[in-house]
């Protein structure tokens, strides 16, 4: 499922960046519990929040979704 695949990719990117869920969520202005549920694939995330996450990694939305 796309939400699970995206969540897994976000988790890998965050871990490669060396950031905790809390630190990354703070960096992008998102609630940590919401962000955790995105990583777990339990959210049907809005395009606005996808953009926040992509920007947090310095990626475009298409780069974030590449390979999913």
PDB file of N, CA and C in Angstrom:
ATOM      1  N   UNK A   1       0.847  -1.180   0.000  1.00  0.00           N
ATOM      2  CA  UNK A   1       0.000   0.000   0.000  1.00  0.00           C
ATOM      3  C   UNK A   1       0.893   1.244   0.000  1.00  0.00           C
ATOM      4  N   UNK A   2       0.465   2.266  -0.706  1.00  0.00           N
ATOM      5  CA  UNK A   2       1.277   3.468  -0.885  1.00  0.00           C
ATOM      6  C   UNK A   2       1.591   4.167   0.437  1.00  0.00           C
ATOM      7  N   UNK A   3       0.645   4.185   1.381  1.00  0.00           N
ATOM      8  CA  UNK A   3       0.910   4.867   2.652  1.00  0.00           C
ATOM      9  C   UNK A   3       2.021   4.163   3.433  1.00  0.00           C
ATOM     10  N   UNK A   4       2.037   2.846   3.382  1.00  0.00           N
ATOM     11  CA  UNK A   4       3.088   2.078   4.068  1.00  0.00           C
ATOM     12  C   UNK A   4       4.432   2.267   3.376  1.00  0.00           C
ATOM     13  N   UNK A   5       4.428   2.204   2.041  1.00  0.00           N
ATOM     14  CA  UNK A   5       5.668   2.391   1.285  1.00  0.00           C
ATOM     15  C   UNK A   5       6.261   3.777   1.508  1.00  0.00           C
ATOM     16  N   UNK A   6       5.401   4.787   1.480  1.00  0.00           N
ATOM     17  CA  UNK A   6       5.875   6.156   1.716  1.00  0.00           C
ATOM     18  C   UNK A   6       6.401   6.299   3.137  1.00  0.00           C
ATOM     19  N   UNK A   7       5.686   5.761   4.099  1.00  0.00           N
ATOM     20  CA  UNK A   7       6.132   5.822   5.489  1.00  0.00           C
ATOM     21  C   UNK A   7       7.490   5.179   5.693  1.00  0.00           C
ATOM     22  N   UNK A   8       7.691   4.031   5.062  1.00  0.00           N
ATOM     23  CA  UNK A   8       8.987   3.344   5.162  1.00  0.00           C
ATOM     24  C   UNK A   8      10.101   4.182   4.549  1.00  0.00           C
ATOM     25  N   UNK A   9       9.825   4.797   3.396  1.00  0.00           N
ATOM     26  CA  UNK A   9      10.847   5.628   2.757  1.00  0.00           C
ATOM     27  C   UNK A   9      11.180   6.838   3.626  1.00  0.00           C
ATOM     28  N   UNK A  10      10.161   7.452   4.199  1.00  0.00           N
ATOM     29  CA  UNK A  10      10.387   8.609   5.075  1.00  0.00           C
ATOM     30  C   UNK A  10      11.223   8.198   6.286  1.00  0.00           C
ATOM     31  N   UNK A  11      10.924   7.054   6.870  1.00  0.00           N
ATOM     32  CA  UNK A  11      11.682   6.556   8.028  1.00  0.00           C
ATOM     33  C   UNK A  11      13.160   6.377   7.664  1.00  0.00           C
ATOM     34  N   UNK A  12      13.416   5.748   6.517  1.00  0.00           N
ATOM     35  CA  UNK A  12      14.803   5.519   6.081  1.00  0.00           C
ATOM     36  C   UNK A  12      15.526   6.851   5.881  1.00  0.00           C
ATOM     37  N   UNK A  13      14.871   7.787   5.209  1.00  0.00           N
ATOM     38  CA  UNK A  13      15.493   9.095   4.977  1.00  0.00           C
ATOM     39  C   UNK A  13      15.783   9.822   6.291  1.00  0.00           C
ATOM     40  N   UNK A  14      14.833   9.751   7.221  1.00  0.00           N
ATOM     41  CA  UNK A  14      15.020  10.422   8.517  1.00  0.00           C
ATOM     42  C   UNK A  14      16.176   9.795   9.282  1.00  0.00           C
ATOM     43  N   UNK A  15      16.243   8.466   9.278  1.00  0.00           N
ATOM     44  CA  UNK A  15      17.321   7.782   9.989  1.00  0.00           C
ATOM     45  C   UNK A  15      18.673   8.084   9.351  1.00  0.00           C
ATOM     46  N   UNK A  16      18.728   8.147   8.017  1.00  0.00           N
ATOM     47  CA  UNK A  16      19.980   8.507   7.332  1.00  0.00           C
ATOM     48  C   UNK A  16      20.416   9.923   7.695  1.00  0.00           C
ATOM     49  N   UNK A  17      19.436  10.789   7.948  1.00  0.00           N
ATOM     50  CA  UNK A  17      19.736  12.172   8.350  1.00  0.00           C
ATOM     51  C   UNK A  17      20.154  12.258   9.816  1.00  0.00           C
ATOM     52  N   UNK A  18      19.995  11.154  10.550  1.00  0.00           N
ATOM     53  CA  UNK A  18      20.396  11.122  11.949  1.00  0.00           C
ATOM     54  C   UNK A  18      19.463  11.882  12.873  1.00  0.00           C
ATOM     55  N   UNK A  19      18.187  11.947  12.508  1.00  0.00           N
ATOM     56  CA  UNK A  19      17.228  12.698  13.309  1.00  0.00           C
ATOM     57  C   UNK A  19      16.189  11.777  13.936  1.00  0.00           C
ATOM     58  N   UNK A  20      15.773  12.121  15.136  1.00  0.00           N
ATOM     59  CA  UNK A  20      14.673  11.405  15.779  1.00  0.00           C
ATOM     60  C   UNK A  20      13.370  11.883  15.136  1.00  0.00           C
ATOM     61  N   UNK A  21      12.306  11.142  15.381  1.00  0.00           N
ATOM     62  CA  UNK A  21      10.993  11.582  14.899  1.00  0.00           C
ATOM     63  C   UNK A  21      10.666  12.956  15.467  1.00  0.00           C
ATOM     64  N   UNK A  22      10.948  13.141  16.736  1.00  0.00           N
ATOM     65  CA  UNK A  22      10.635  14.413  17.385  1.00  0.00           C
ATOM     66  C   UNK A  22      11.400  15.576  16.765  1.00  0.00           C
ATOM     67  N   UNK A  23      12.702  15.399  16.534  1.00  0.00           N
ATOM     68  CA  UNK A  23      13.509  16.484  15.968  1.00  0.00           C
ATOM     69  C   UNK A  23      13.099  16.804  14.540  1.00  0.00           C
ATOM     70  N   UNK A  24      12.810  15.759  13.742  1.00  0.00           N
ATOM     71  CA  UNK A  24      12.402  16.017  12.370  1.00  0.00           C
ATOM     72  C   UNK A  24      11.030  16.693  12.333  1.00  0.00           C
ATOM     73  N   UNK A  25      10.100  16.214  13.151  1.00  0.00           N
ATOM     74  CA  UNK A  25       8.763  16.813  13.199  1.00  0.00           C
ATOM     75  C   UNK A  25       8.850  18.288  13.600  1.00  0.00           C
ATOM     76  N   UNK A  26       9.678  18.595  14.583  1.00  0.00           N
ATOM     77  CA  UNK A  26       9.879  19.992  14.982  1.00  0.00           C
ATOM     78  C   UNK A  26      10.448  20.813  13.836  1.00  0.00           C
ATOM     79  N   UNK A  27      11.405  20.243  13.135  1.00  0.00           N
ATOM     80  CA  UNK A  27      12.052  20.926  12.014  1.00  0.00           C
ATOM     81  C   UNK A  27      11.054  21.328  10.934  1.00  0.00           C
ATOM     82  N   UNK A  28      10.065  20.480  10.687  1.00  0.00           N
ATOM     83  CA  UNK A  28       9.108  20.756   9.615  1.00  0.00           C
ATOM     84  C   UNK A  28       7.789  21.332  10.120  1.00  0.00           C
ATOM     85  N   UNK A  29       7.676  21.554  11.429  1.00  0.00           N
ATOM     86  CA  UNK A  29       6.466  22.159  11.982  1.00  0.00           C
ATOM     87  C   UNK A  29       5.274  21.224  12.014  1.00  0.00           C
ATOM     88  N   UNK A  30       5.527  19.968  12.347  1.00  0.00           N
ATOM     89  CA  UNK A  30       4.473  18.959  12.387  1.00  0.00           C
ATOM     90  C   UNK A  30       4.457  18.314  13.766  1.00  0.00           C
ATOM     91  N   UNK A  31       3.279  17.949  14.226  1.00  0.00           N
ATOM     92  CA  UNK A  31       3.157  17.258  15.505  1.00  0.00           C
ATOM     93  C   UNK A  31       3.858  15.901  15.431  1.00  0.00           C
ATOM     94  N   UNK A  32       4.609  15.540  16.463  1.00  0.00           N
ATOM     95  CA  UNK A  32       5.375  14.302  16.442  1.00  0.00           C
ATOM     96  C   UNK A  32       4.484  13.075  16.324  1.00  0.00           C
ATOM     97  N   UNK A  33       3.361  13.070  17.007  1.00  0.00           N
ATOM     98  CA  UNK A  33       2.502  11.887  16.948  1.00  0.00           C
ATOM     99  C   UNK A  33       1.882  11.730  15.560  1.00  0.00           C
ATOM    100  N   UNK A  34       1.561  12.847  14.927  1.00  0.00           N
ATOM    101  CA  UNK A  34       1.052  12.799  13.547  1.00  0.00           C
ATOM    102  C   UNK A  34       2.144  12.261  12.627  1.00  0.00           C
ATOM    103  N   UNK A  35       3.365  12.795  12.779  1.00  0.00           N
ATOM    104  CA  UNK A  35       4.475  12.353  11.949  1.00  0.00           C
ATOM    105  C   UNK A  35       4.746  10.860  12.157  1.00  0.00           C
ATOM    106  N   UNK A  36       4.691  10.398  13.389  1.00  0.00           N
ATOM    107  CA  UNK A  36       4.905   8.977  13.684  1.00  0.00           C
ATOM    108  C   UNK A  36       3.872   8.113  12.973  1.00  0.00           C
ATOM    109  N   UNK A  37       2.626   8.581  12.921  1.00  0.00           N
ATOM    110  CA  UNK A  37       1.586   7.803  12.240  1.00  0.00           C
ATOM    111  C   UNK A  37       1.777   7.808  10.729  1.00  0.00           C
ATOM    112  N   UNK A  38       2.376   8.879  10.192  1.00  0.00           N
ATOM    113  CA  UNK A  38       2.720   8.913   8.762  1.00  0.00           C
ATOM    114  C   UNK A  38       3.791   7.866   8.484  1.00  0.00           C
ATOM    115  N   UNK A  39       4.837   7.848   9.301  1.00  0.00           N
ATOM    116  CA  UNK A  39       5.908   6.853   9.137  1.00  0.00           C
ATOM    117  C   UNK A  39       5.380   5.430   9.256  1.00  0.00           C
ATOM    118  N   UNK A  40       4.395   5.226  10.099  1.00  0.00           N
ATOM    119  CA  UNK A  40       3.818   3.896  10.300  1.00  0.00           C
ATOM    120  C   UNK A  40       2.859   3.517   9.175  1.00  0.00           C
ATOM    121  N   UNK A  41       2.596   4.450   8.259  1.00  0.00           N
ATOM    122  CA  UNK A  41       1.695   4.172   7.147  1.00  0.00           C
ATOM    123  C   UNK A  41       0.231   4.184   7.532  1.00  0.00           C
ATOM    124  N   UNK A  42      -0.090   4.850   8.631  1.00  0.00           N
ATOM    125  CA  UNK A  42      -1.459   4.853   9.142  1.00  0.00           C
ATOM    126  C   UNK A  42      -2.231   6.124   8.807  1.00  0.00           C
ATOM    127  N   UNK A  43      -1.637   6.995   8.016  1.00  0.00           N
ATOM    128  CA  UNK A  43      -2.283   8.265   7.661  1.00  0.00           C
ATOM    129  C   UNK A  43      -2.426   8.382   6.150  1.00  0.00           C
ATOM    130  N   UNK A  44      -3.552   8.911   5.735  1.00  0.00           N
ATOM    131  CA  UNK A  44      -3.734   9.319   4.350  1.00  0.00           C
ATOM    132  C   UNK A  44      -3.334  10.793   4.322  1.00  0.00           C
ATOM    133  N   UNK A  45      -2.066  11.028   4.148  1.00  0.00           N
ATOM    134  CA  UNK A  45      -1.461  12.342   4.343  1.00  0.00           C
ATOM    135  C   UNK A  45      -1.815  13.308   3.208  1.00  0.00           C
ATOM    136  N   UNK A  46      -2.014  14.570   3.554  1.00  0.00           N
ATOM    137  CA  UNK A  46      -2.352  15.589   2.556  1.00  0.00           C
ATOM    138  C   UNK A  46      -1.114  15.998   1.770  1.00  0.00           C
ATOM    139  N   UNK A  47      -1.345  16.554   0.613  1.00  0.00           N
ATOM    140  CA  UNK A  47      -0.245  17.023  -0.242  1.00  0.00           C
ATOM    141  C   UNK A  47       0.543  18.137   0.457  1.00  0.00           C
ATOM    142  N   UNK A  48      -0.127  18.927   1.270  1.00  0.00           N
ATOM    143  CA  UNK A  48       0.559  20.000   2.004  1.00  0.00           C
ATOM    144  C   UNK A  48       1.586  19.404   2.962  1.00  0.00           C
ATOM    145  N   UNK A  49       1.215  18.344   3.673  1.00  0.00           N
ATOM    146  CA  UNK A  49       2.145  17.717   4.608  1.00  0.00           C
ATOM    147  C   UNK A  49       3.214  16.912   3.885  1.00  0.00           C
ATOM    148  N   UNK A  50       2.883  16.346   2.734  1.00  0.00           N
ATOM    149  CA  UNK A  50       3.905  15.675   1.915  1.00  0.00           C
ATOM    150  C   UNK A  50       4.966  16.688   1.506  1.00  0.00           C
ATOM    151  N   UNK A  51       4.527  17.879   1.120  1.00  0.00           N
ATOM    152  CA  UNK A  51       5.465  18.944   0.719  1.00  0.00           C
ATOM    153  C   UNK A  51       6.347  19.356   1.895  1.00  0.00           C
ATOM    154  N   UNK A  52       5.783  19.470   3.094  1.00  0.00           N
ATOM    155  CA  UNK A  52       6.581  19.808   4.276  1.00  0.00           C
ATOM    156  C   UNK A  52       7.680  18.769   4.502  1.00  0.00           C
ATOM    157  N   UNK A  53       7.320  17.502   4.369  1.00  0.00           N
ATOM    158  CA  UNK A  53       8.288  16.424   4.592  1.00  0.00           C
ATOM    159  C   UNK A  53       9.364  16.450   3.514  1.00  0.00           C
ATOM    160  N   UNK A  54       8.957  16.576   2.260  1.00  0.00           N
ATOM    161  CA  UNK A  54       9.929  16.641   1.163  1.00  0.00           C
ATOM    162  C   UNK A  54      10.884  17.806   1.369  1.00  0.00           C
ATOM    163  N   UNK A  55      10.354  18.974   1.705  1.00  0.00           N
ATOM    164  CA  UNK A  55      11.194  20.152   1.952  1.00  0.00           C
ATOM    165  C   UNK A  55      12.156  19.909   3.115  1.00  0.00           C
ATOM    166  N   UNK A  56      11.687  19.203   4.132  1.00  0.00           N
ATOM    167  CA  UNK A  56      12.534  18.896   5.283  1.00  0.00           C
ATOM    168  C   UNK A  56      13.758  18.069   4.918  1.00  0.00           C
ATOM    169  N   UNK A  57      13.614  17.260   3.870  1.00  0.00           N
ATOM    170  CA  UNK A  57      14.742  16.462   3.388  1.00  0.00           C
ATOM    171  C   UNK A  57      15.493  17.144   2.245  1.00  0.00           C
ATOM    172  N   UNK A  58      15.016  18.306   1.821  1.00  0.00           N
ATOM    173  CA  UNK A  58      15.634  19.001   0.692  1.00  0.00           C
ATOM    174  C   UNK A  58      15.347  18.310  -0.631  1.00  0.00           C
ATOM    175  N   UNK A  59      14.169  17.679  -0.712  1.00  0.00           N
ATOM    176  CA  UNK A  59      13.771  16.943  -1.912  1.00  0.00           C
ATOM    177  C   UNK A  59      12.525  17.573  -2.526  1.00  0.00           C
ATOM    178  N   UNK A  60      12.324  17.294  -3.816  1.00  0.00           N
ATOM    179  CA  UNK A  60      11.048  17.628  -4.438  1.00  0.00           C
ATOM    180  C   UNK A  60      10.066  16.520  -4.102  1.00  0.00           C
ATOM    181  N   UNK A  61       8.791  16.768  -4.311  1.00  0.00           N
ATOM    182  CA  UNK A  61       7.797  15.726  -4.061  1.00  0.00           C
ATOM    183  C   UNK A  61       8.054  14.528  -4.963  1.00  0.00           C
ATOM    184  N   UNK A  62       8.411  14.782  -6.218  1.00  0.00           N
ATOM    185  CA  UNK A  62       8.672  13.646  -7.131  1.00  0.00           C
ATOM    186  C   UNK A  62       9.871  12.840  -6.686  1.00  0.00           C
ATOM    187  N   UNK A  63      10.887  13.485  -6.135  1.00  0.00           N
ATOM    188  CA  UNK A  63      12.044  12.740  -5.602  1.00  0.00           C
ATOM    189  C   UNK A  63      11.651  11.905  -4.402  1.00  0.00           C
ATOM    190  N   UNK A  64      10.770  12.435  -3.561  1.00  0.00           N
ATOM    191  CA  UNK A  64      10.312  11.697  -2.392  1.00  0.00           C
ATOM    192  C   UNK A  64       9.557  10.417  -2.804  1.00  0.00           C
ATOM    193  N   UNK A  65       8.782  10.517  -3.889  1.00  0.00           N
ATOM    194  CA  UNK A  65       7.992   9.382  -4.337  1.00  0.00           C
ATOM    195  C   UNK A  65       8.744   8.447  -5.293  1.00  0.00           C
ATOM    196  N   UNK A  66       9.917   8.843  -5.720  1.00  0.00           N
ATOM    197  CA  UNK A  66      10.674   8.016  -6.680  1.00  0.00           C
ATOM    198  C   UNK A  66      10.940   6.628  -6.107  1.00  0.00           C
ATOM    199  N   UNK A  67      10.636   5.614  -6.885  1.00  0.00           N
ATOM    200  CA  UNK A  67      10.887   4.235  -6.487  1.00  0.00           C
ATOM    201  C   UNK A  67       9.783   3.582  -5.686  1.00  0.00           C
ATOM    202  N   UNK A  68       8.683   4.296  -5.438  1.00  0.00           N
ATOM    203  CA  UNK A  68       7.592   3.704  -4.653  1.00  0.00           C
ATOM    204  C   UNK A  68       6.703   2.858  -5.530  1.00  0.00           C
TER     205      UNK A  68
END
